[in-house]
Structure formats: C-alpha cells, structure tokens
C-alpha cells in the first residue's frame, strides 16, 4: 500500500537532516561543492536544495503542480 502524505507531512520530512544526508552521500561518492567565492557556493547549494525538492516529489510520483 502506498502512503501519500499531505503537503504538511512533506514539509516536515524535507528538512536539514535530509539535505545533510544527501549532501554527505554526494561527498562520499566524490562530488564536491564549488571552491569559488561564497556567493558561488551559496548559489550552488541553493540550486541543489531546489532540485532535491523536485527529486523527492518525483520519487513519490507527485507532479510539480501540487
């Protein structure tokens, strides 16, 4: 049986712990954040977090319109 959480539940699961776990997995597989200026690093991190949000929706079979 598939569990379809409410939007509030999705928000609770998408937290710093999830972001840190995914970033740690990327680092352990040899992927690294840019070494450039802070603004470049912050933009890369922000973009990655946004894409992670899209990934979790896709993983659960949700579309971006919800």
Protein backbone atom coordinates (compact mmCIF):
# COMPACT_ATOMS: atom_id res chain seq x y z
CA UNK A 1 0.00 0.00 0.00
CA UNK A 2 1.35 3.42 -0.96
CA UNK A 3 1.35 6.20 1.59
CA UNK A 4 0.54 9.61 0.10
CA UNK A 5 1.44 12.18 2.75
CA UNK A 6 -0.30 15.51 2.99
CA UNK A 7 1.64 18.64 1.97
CA UNK A 8 2.26 19.36 5.66
CA UNK A 9 3.88 15.96 6.11
CA UNK A 10 6.07 16.54 3.07
CA UNK A 11 7.29 19.80 4.55
CA UNK A 12 8.17 18.09 7.83
CA UNK A 13 10.21 15.41 6.08
CA UNK A 14 12.07 17.87 3.85
CA UNK A 15 14.42 19.27 6.45
CA UNK A 16 18.09 19.94 7.15
CA UNK A 17 18.61 16.29 8.10
CA UNK A 18 17.54 15.11 4.65
CA UNK A 19 19.60 17.80 2.93
CA UNK A 20 22.68 16.92 5.01
CA UNK A 21 22.26 13.19 4.33
CA UNK A 22 22.03 13.73 0.57
CA UNK A 23 24.97 16.17 0.52
CA UNK A 24 27.02 13.70 2.60
CA UNK A 25 26.18 10.89 0.17
CA UNK A 26 27.29 13.07 -2.74
CA UNK A 27 30.57 13.90 -0.99
CA UNK A 28 31.21 10.24 -0.20
CA UNK A 29 30.82 9.42 -3.90
CA UNK A 30 33.39 12.04 -4.89
CA UNK A 31 31.14 15.01 -5.70
CA UNK A 32 32.21 18.33 -4.18
CA UNK A 33 30.78 21.82 -3.82
CA UNK A 34 32.49 24.59 -5.82
CA UNK A 35 35.66 26.08 -4.34
CA UNK A 36 34.86 29.56 -5.69
CA UNK A 37 33.64 32.65 -3.85
CA UNK A 38 30.98 32.32 -1.15
CA UNK A 39 28.22 33.64 -3.40
CA UNK A 40 29.04 30.96 -6.00
CA UNK A 41 28.98 28.26 -3.33
CA UNK A 42 25.71 29.55 -1.86
CA UNK A 43 24.07 29.65 -5.29
CA UNK A 44 25.17 26.07 -5.99
CA UNK A 45 23.83 24.88 -2.63
CA UNK A 46 20.53 26.71 -3.13
CA UNK A 47 20.10 25.23 -6.59
CA UNK A 48 20.88 21.74 -5.27
CA UNK A 49 18.30 22.11 -2.48
CA UNK A 50 15.68 23.21 -5.01
CA UNK A 51 16.46 20.24 -7.24
CA UNK A 52 16.29 17.93 -4.22
CA UNK A 53 12.77 19.20 -3.61
CA UNK A 54 11.88 18.23 -7.18
CA UNK A 55 13.57 14.85 -6.72
CA UNK A 56 11.57 13.91 -3.63
CA UNK A 57 8.32 14.83 -5.42
CA UNK A 58 9.30 12.75 -8.46
CA UNK A 59 10.38 9.86 -6.23
CA UNK A 60 6.90 9.74 -4.71
CA UNK A 61 5.16 10.13 -8.06
CA UNK A 62 3.93 13.66 -7.49
CA UNK A 63 3.79 16.27 -10.18
CA UNK A 64 5.07 19.84 -9.78
CA UNK A 65 1.55 21.27 -9.95
CA UNK A 66 0.62 20.09 -6.43
